[in-house]
Amino acid sequence: MATITSNPGKKAFTGNLIDMSAENLVNTIGGSKDDQGNWEPPEKWEKTGVMDIVCDSGHTIRLYKAKVTGNDFGGGVNSQGVLSVQLNIEVMKDEDGKRMKIFAPGIDPETGKPSEEP
């Protein structure tokens, strides 16, 4: 297993998950969603698999194998900040040796083709 690190011994990068819908939390760090849309966290806040980061520019950064660990809650519940789940993200090689690819706006990472036909 190879890990991209900015400095030896550190995670590749960190980020904050601000869309804390149950579906988004399950997709990002695991756990379960019930019929009412409530989220119950897993015992270990960690998930490994394909991760897509959709940018405001429309680009999608596909990490072919990412280990995402939920660290803690961050931000705040006030006018100074937004409550979020802090994430540590390690980027590893998948079974084909690929780490990541940045897809242009409008390109579906699953197919590599335009997501909407003209």
N, C-alpha and C. Protein backbone atom coordinates (compact mmCIF):
# COMPACT_ATOMS: atom_id res chain seq x y z
N MET A 1 0.85 -1.18 0.00
CA MET A 1 0.00 0.00 0.00
C MET A 1 0.89 1.23 0.00
N ALA A 2 0.58 2.19 -0.86
CA ALA A 2 1.32 3.45 -0.91
C ALA A 2 0.38 4.56 -0.50
N THR A 3 0.89 5.50 0.26
CA THR A 3 0.09 6.62 0.71
C THR A 3 0.77 7.91 0.27
N ILE A 4 -0.01 8.84 -0.33
CA ILE A 4 0.53 10.16 -0.67
C ILE A 4 0.55 10.96 0.63
N THR A 5 1.68 11.51 0.97
CA THR A 5 1.75 12.33 2.18
C THR A 5 2.42 13.65 1.87
N SER A 6 1.97 14.70 2.53
CA SER A 6 2.60 16.00 2.34
C SER A 6 3.88 16.05 3.16
N ASN A 7 3.90 15.42 4.30
CA ASN A 7 5.06 15.26 5.15
C ASN A 7 5.01 13.84 5.69
N PRO A 8 6.16 13.18 5.87
CA PRO A 8 6.12 11.82 6.39
C PRO A 8 5.31 11.75 7.69
N GLY A 9 4.47 10.74 7.79
CA GLY A 9 3.70 10.54 9.01
C GLY A 9 2.42 11.34 9.10
N LYS A 10 2.09 12.15 8.08
CA LYS A 10 0.87 12.95 8.12
C LYS A 10 -0.11 12.48 7.07
N LYS A 11 -1.37 12.77 7.27
CA LYS A 11 -2.41 12.42 6.30
C LYS A 11 -2.22 13.22 5.03
N ALA A 12 -2.77 12.71 3.92
CA ALA A 12 -2.67 13.42 2.65
C ALA A 12 -3.33 14.78 2.74
N PHE A 13 -4.54 14.82 3.29
CA PHE A 13 -5.19 16.10 3.50
C PHE A 13 -6.37 15.94 4.45
N THR A 14 -6.88 17.06 4.90
CA THR A 14 -8.04 17.06 5.79
C THR A 14 -9.12 17.93 5.16
N GLY A 15 -10.34 17.76 5.60
CA GLY A 15 -11.44 18.57 5.11
C GLY A 15 -12.58 18.52 6.08
N ASN A 16 -13.59 19.31 5.82
CA ASN A 16 -14.77 19.36 6.66
C ASN A 16 -16.00 18.99 5.85
N LEU A 17 -16.78 18.06 6.34
CA LEU A 17 -18.03 17.67 5.71
C LEU A 17 -19.13 18.51 6.34
N ILE A 18 -19.72 19.42 5.54
CA ILE A 18 -20.75 20.30 6.10
C ILE A 18 -22.15 19.85 5.74
N ASP A 19 -22.30 19.02 4.70
CA ASP A 19 -23.61 18.45 4.36
C ASP A 19 -23.77 17.18 5.19
N MET A 20 -24.39 17.32 6.36
CA MET A 20 -24.49 16.19 7.27
C MET A 20 -25.84 15.47 7.15
N SER A 21 -26.32 15.34 5.90
CA SER A 21 -27.51 14.52 5.68
C SER A 21 -27.11 13.06 5.94
N ALA A 22 -28.07 12.26 6.37
CA ALA A 22 -27.78 10.86 6.69
C ALA A 22 -27.16 10.13 5.50
N GLU A 23 -27.69 10.36 4.31
CA GLU A 23 -27.16 9.69 3.12
C GLU A 23 -25.70 10.07 2.87
N ASN A 24 -25.39 11.35 3.01
CA ASN A 24 -24.02 11.82 2.80
C ASN A 24 -23.07 11.25 3.85
N LEU A 25 -23.50 11.18 5.11
CA LEU A 25 -22.67 10.62 6.17
C LEU A 25 -22.41 9.13 5.95
N VAL A 26 -23.44 8.38 5.56
CA VAL A 26 -23.27 6.95 5.27
C VAL A 26 -22.28 6.76 4.12
N ASN A 27 -22.43 7.56 3.06
CA ASN A 27 -21.54 7.44 1.90
C ASN A 27 -20.10 7.82 2.23
N THR A 28 -19.91 8.73 3.18
CA THR A 28 -18.58 9.24 3.48
C THR A 28 -17.85 8.43 4.54
N ILE A 29 -18.51 8.15 5.69
CA ILE A 29 -17.81 7.45 6.78
C ILE A 29 -18.55 6.23 7.31
N GLY A 30 -19.64 5.85 6.67
CA GLY A 30 -20.34 4.64 7.09
C GLY A 30 -21.47 4.92 8.06
N GLY A 31 -21.90 3.89 8.72
CA GLY A 31 -23.05 4.00 9.61
C GLY A 31 -24.31 3.57 8.90
N SER A 32 -25.45 3.96 9.46
CA SER A 32 -26.71 3.56 8.86
C SER A 32 -27.71 4.71 8.89
N LYS A 33 -28.64 4.65 7.93
CA LYS A 33 -29.72 5.63 7.81
C LYS A 33 -31.02 4.88 7.99
N ASP A 34 -31.91 5.41 8.83
CA ASP A 34 -33.20 4.74 9.00
C ASP A 34 -34.24 5.35 8.06
N ASP A 35 -35.47 4.85 8.12
CA ASP A 35 -36.54 5.29 7.23
C ASP A 35 -36.92 6.75 7.40
N GLN A 36 -36.58 7.34 8.54
CA GLN A 36 -36.91 8.74 8.80
C GLN A 36 -35.76 9.68 8.45
N GLY A 37 -34.66 9.14 7.93
CA GLY A 37 -33.54 9.98 7.54
C GLY A 37 -32.57 10.27 8.67
N ASN A 38 -32.69 9.52 9.78
CA ASN A 38 -31.75 9.69 10.89
C ASN A 38 -30.50 8.87 10.63
N TRP A 39 -29.36 9.37 11.12
CA TRP A 39 -28.08 8.69 10.93
C TRP A 39 -27.58 8.15 12.25
N GLU A 40 -27.12 6.91 12.22
CA GLU A 40 -26.46 6.33 13.38
C GLU A 40 -25.04 6.00 12.97
N PRO A 41 -24.05 6.56 13.68
CA PRO A 41 -22.66 6.36 13.27
C PRO A 41 -22.19 4.93 13.50
N PRO A 42 -21.18 4.52 12.71
CA PRO A 42 -20.58 3.21 12.96
C PRO A 42 -19.71 3.30 14.21
N GLU A 43 -19.31 2.15 14.74
CA GLU A 43 -18.45 2.16 15.91
C GLU A 43 -17.12 2.86 15.59
N LYS A 44 -16.60 2.59 14.39
CA LYS A 44 -15.37 3.22 13.94
C LYS A 44 -15.71 4.13 12.77
N TRP A 45 -15.46 5.43 12.89
CA TRP A 45 -15.80 6.39 11.85
C TRP A 45 -14.75 6.32 10.75
N GLU A 46 -14.85 5.30 9.90
CA GLU A 46 -13.84 5.09 8.87
C GLU A 46 -14.44 4.32 7.71
N LYS A 47 -14.05 4.70 6.50
CA LYS A 47 -14.51 4.00 5.31
C LYS A 47 -13.41 4.08 4.25
N THR A 48 -13.21 2.99 3.52
CA THR A 48 -12.23 2.96 2.44
C THR A 48 -12.94 2.58 1.15
N GLY A 49 -12.65 3.32 0.09
CA GLY A 49 -13.25 3.05 -1.21
C GLY A 49 -13.05 4.21 -2.15
N VAL A 50 -13.80 4.20 -3.25
CA VAL A 50 -13.75 5.29 -4.23
C VAL A 50 -14.38 6.53 -3.60
N MET A 51 -13.75 7.68 -3.81
CA MET A 51 -14.29 8.93 -3.27
C MET A 51 -14.30 9.96 -4.38
N ASP A 52 -15.44 10.61 -4.61
CA ASP A 52 -15.55 11.70 -5.58
C ASP A 52 -15.71 13.00 -4.82
N ILE A 53 -14.89 13.98 -5.17
CA ILE A 53 -15.00 15.32 -4.60
C ILE A 53 -15.48 16.23 -5.72
N VAL A 54 -16.70 16.75 -5.59
CA VAL A 54 -17.28 17.61 -6.63
C VAL A 54 -16.95 19.05 -6.27
N CYS A 55 -16.26 19.73 -7.17
CA CYS A 55 -15.81 21.10 -6.95
C CYS A 55 -16.85 22.10 -7.44
N ASP A 56 -16.81 23.32 -6.90
CA ASP A 56 -17.71 24.37 -7.35
C ASP A 56 -17.53 24.67 -8.83
N SER A 57 -16.33 24.42 -9.36
CA SER A 57 -16.05 24.67 -10.78
C SER A 57 -16.73 23.65 -11.69
N GLY A 58 -17.26 22.56 -11.11
CA GLY A 58 -17.88 21.50 -11.91
C GLY A 58 -16.95 20.32 -12.13
N HIS A 59 -15.67 20.47 -11.82
CA HIS A 59 -14.72 19.37 -11.92
C HIS A 59 -15.02 18.34 -10.83
N THR A 60 -14.74 17.08 -11.11
CA THR A 60 -14.87 16.03 -10.12
C THR A 60 -13.49 15.40 -9.93
N ILE A 61 -13.02 15.39 -8.70
CA ILE A 61 -11.76 14.73 -8.36
C ILE A 61 -12.12 13.34 -7.89
N ARG A 62 -11.71 12.33 -8.64
CA ARG A 62 -11.98 10.95 -8.26
C ARG A 62 -10.73 10.38 -7.60
N LEU A 63 -10.88 9.95 -6.35
CA LEU A 63 -9.84 9.24 -5.64
C LEU A 63 -10.22 7.77 -5.75
N TYR A 64 -9.40 6.97 -6.42
CA TYR A 64 -9.76 5.59 -6.70
C TYR A 64 -9.75 4.71 -5.45
N LYS A 65 -8.95 5.06 -4.46
CA LYS A 65 -8.98 4.35 -3.18
C LYS A 65 -8.59 5.35 -2.09
N ALA A 66 -9.58 5.75 -1.33
CA ALA A 66 -9.35 6.71 -0.26
C ALA A 66 -9.79 6.11 1.07
N LYS A 67 -8.99 6.33 2.07
CA LYS A 67 -9.36 5.94 3.43
C LYS A 67 -9.80 7.23 4.12
N VAL A 68 -11.08 7.30 4.43
CA VAL A 68 -11.66 8.50 5.05
C VAL A 68 -11.98 8.19 6.49
N THR A 69 -11.43 9.00 7.39
CA THR A 69 -11.66 8.81 8.82
C THR A 69 -12.31 10.07 9.37
N GLY A 70 -13.47 9.90 10.03
CA GLY A 70 -14.11 11.01 10.71
C GLY A 70 -13.36 11.28 12.00
N ASN A 71 -12.89 12.51 12.16
CA ASN A 71 -12.05 12.85 13.29
C ASN A 71 -12.86 13.34 14.48
N ASP A 72 -13.67 14.35 14.28
CA ASP A 72 -14.43 14.95 15.36
C ASP A 72 -15.38 15.97 14.73
N PHE A 73 -16.20 16.59 15.55
CA PHE A 73 -17.03 17.69 15.06
C PHE A 73 -16.22 18.97 15.12
N GLY A 74 -16.46 19.85 14.15
CA GLY A 74 -15.75 21.12 14.11
C GLY A 74 -16.71 22.24 13.81
N GLY A 75 -16.16 23.42 13.67
CA GLY A 75 -16.98 24.59 13.40
C GLY A 75 -17.73 25.00 14.64
N GLY A 76 -18.98 25.28 14.52
CA GLY A 76 -19.78 25.68 15.66
C GLY A 76 -21.23 25.83 15.27
N VAL A 77 -22.06 25.97 16.26
CA VAL A 77 -23.48 26.19 16.02
C VAL A 77 -23.76 27.63 16.45
N ASN A 78 -23.23 28.54 15.67
CA ASN A 78 -23.39 29.96 15.96
C ASN A 78 -23.18 30.74 14.68
N SER A 79 -23.19 32.06 14.75
CA SER A 79 -23.02 32.87 13.55
C SER A 79 -21.58 32.94 13.08
N GLN A 80 -20.65 32.39 13.85
CA GLN A 80 -19.23 32.44 13.48
C GLN A 80 -18.77 31.22 12.70
N GLY A 81 -19.53 30.13 12.73
CA GLY A 81 -19.06 28.93 12.06
C GLY A 81 -20.20 27.99 11.70
N VAL A 82 -19.87 26.98 10.91
CA VAL A 82 -20.82 25.98 10.47
C VAL A 82 -20.40 24.65 11.07
N LEU A 83 -21.33 23.95 11.69
CA LEU A 83 -21.02 22.64 12.27
C LEU A 83 -20.64 21.68 11.16
N SER A 84 -19.58 20.91 11.38
CA SER A 84 -19.11 19.97 10.36
C SER A 84 -18.47 18.76 11.03
N VAL A 85 -18.25 17.72 10.23
CA VAL A 85 -17.47 16.57 10.66
C VAL A 85 -16.10 16.75 10.03
N GLN A 86 -15.06 16.75 10.84
CA GLN A 86 -13.70 16.90 10.35
C GLN A 86 -13.22 15.54 9.83
N LEU A 87 -12.62 15.55 8.64
CA LEU A 87 -12.19 14.31 7.99
C LEU A 87 -10.69 14.30 7.74
N ASN A 88 -10.10 13.14 7.91
CA ASN A 88 -8.72 12.88 7.47
C ASN A 88 -8.85 11.96 6.26
N ILE A 89 -8.14 12.28 5.18
CA ILE A 89 -8.28 11.51 3.94
C ILE A 89 -6.89 11.08 3.47
N GLU A 90 -6.70 9.77 3.38
CA GLU A 90 -5.47 9.20 2.84
C GLU A 90 -5.76 8.68 1.44
N VAL A 91 -4.90 9.01 0.50
CA VAL A 91 -5.08 8.57 -0.88
C VAL A 91 -4.09 7.43 -1.13
N MET A 92 -4.64 6.28 -1.57
CA MET A 92 -3.82 5.10 -1.82
C MET A 92 -4.01 4.64 -3.25
N LYS A 93 -3.14 3.75 -3.71
CA LYS A 93 -3.29 3.16 -5.03
C LYS A 93 -4.36 2.07 -4.98
N ASP A 94 -5.17 2.01 -6.05
CA ASP A 94 -6.15 0.92 -6.15
C ASP A 94 -5.44 -0.32 -6.71
N GLU A 95 -6.20 -1.37 -6.97
CA GLU A 95 -5.61 -2.63 -7.45
C GLU A 95 -4.95 -2.49 -8.82
N ASP A 96 -5.32 -1.43 -9.58
CA ASP A 96 -4.71 -1.17 -10.89
C ASP A 96 -3.56 -0.17 -10.80
N GLY A 97 -3.24 0.30 -9.59
CA GLY A 97 -2.15 1.25 -9.41
C GLY A 97 -2.54 2.70 -9.60
N LYS A 98 -3.85 2.99 -9.77
CA LYS A 98 -4.31 4.36 -9.98
C LYS A 98 -4.59 5.02 -8.64
N ARG A 99 -4.29 6.31 -8.54
CA ARG A 99 -4.58 7.08 -7.33
C ARG A 99 -5.76 8.03 -7.53
N MET A 100 -5.69 8.85 -8.59
CA MET A 100 -6.72 9.87 -8.78
C MET A 100 -6.79 10.31 -10.23
N LYS A 101 -7.90 10.97 -10.55
CA LYS A 101 -8.09 11.59 -11.86
C LYS A 101 -9.04 12.75 -11.67
N ILE A 102 -8.77 13.85 -12.35
CA ILE A 102 -9.66 15.01 -12.30
C ILE A 102 -10.46 15.05 -13.60
N PHE A 103 -11.78 14.95 -13.46
CA PHE A 103 -12.68 14.95 -14.61
C PHE A 103 -13.19 16.36 -14.88
N ALA A 104 -13.24 16.72 -16.14
CA ALA A 104 -13.73 18.03 -16.56
C ALA A 104 -15.21 18.18 -16.22
N PRO A 105 -15.68 19.42 -16.11
CA PRO A 105 -17.10 19.63 -15.84
C PRO A 105 -17.97 18.92 -16.86
N GLY A 106 -19.02 18.26 -16.37
CA GLY A 106 -19.96 17.57 -17.25
C GLY A 106 -19.58 16.15 -17.61
N ILE A 107 -18.41 15.68 -17.18
CA ILE A 107 -18.00 14.32 -17.49
C ILE A 107 -18.31 13.42 -16.29
N ASP A 108 -18.98 12.31 -16.55
CA ASP A 108 -19.35 11.35 -15.52
C ASP A 108 -18.13 10.47 -15.19
N PRO A 109 -17.65 10.49 -13.95
CA PRO A 109 -16.48 9.68 -13.59
C PRO A 109 -16.69 8.17 -13.76
N GLU A 110 -17.94 7.72 -13.70
CA GLU A 110 -18.22 6.29 -13.87
C GLU A 110 -18.01 5.83 -15.31
N THR A 111 -18.42 6.67 -16.27
CA THR A 111 -18.36 6.27 -17.68
C THR A 111 -17.25 6.97 -18.45
N GLY A 112 -16.78 8.13 -17.95
CA GLY A 112 -15.80 8.92 -18.68
C GLY A 112 -16.40 9.68 -19.85
N LYS A 113 -17.73 9.70 -19.92
CA LYS A 113 -18.45 10.36 -21.02
C LYS A 113 -19.29 11.50 -20.46
N PRO A 114 -19.75 12.40 -21.35
CA PRO A 114 -20.62 13.49 -20.88
C PRO A 114 -21.82 12.94 -20.12
N SER A 115 -22.16 13.60 -19.02
CA SER A 115 -23.26 13.11 -18.19
C SER A 115 -24.62 13.43 -18.77
N GLU A 116 -24.68 14.42 -19.63
CA GLU A 116 -25.95 14.77 -20.29
C GLU A 116 -25.72 14.80 -21.79
N GLU A 117 -26.55 14.12 -22.52
CA GLU A 117 -26.43 14.13 -23.98
C GLU A 117 -27.03 15.43 -24.52
N PRO A 118 -26.41 16.01 -25.57
CA PRO A 118 -26.95 17.28 -26.14
C PRO A 118 -28.27 17.09 -26.82
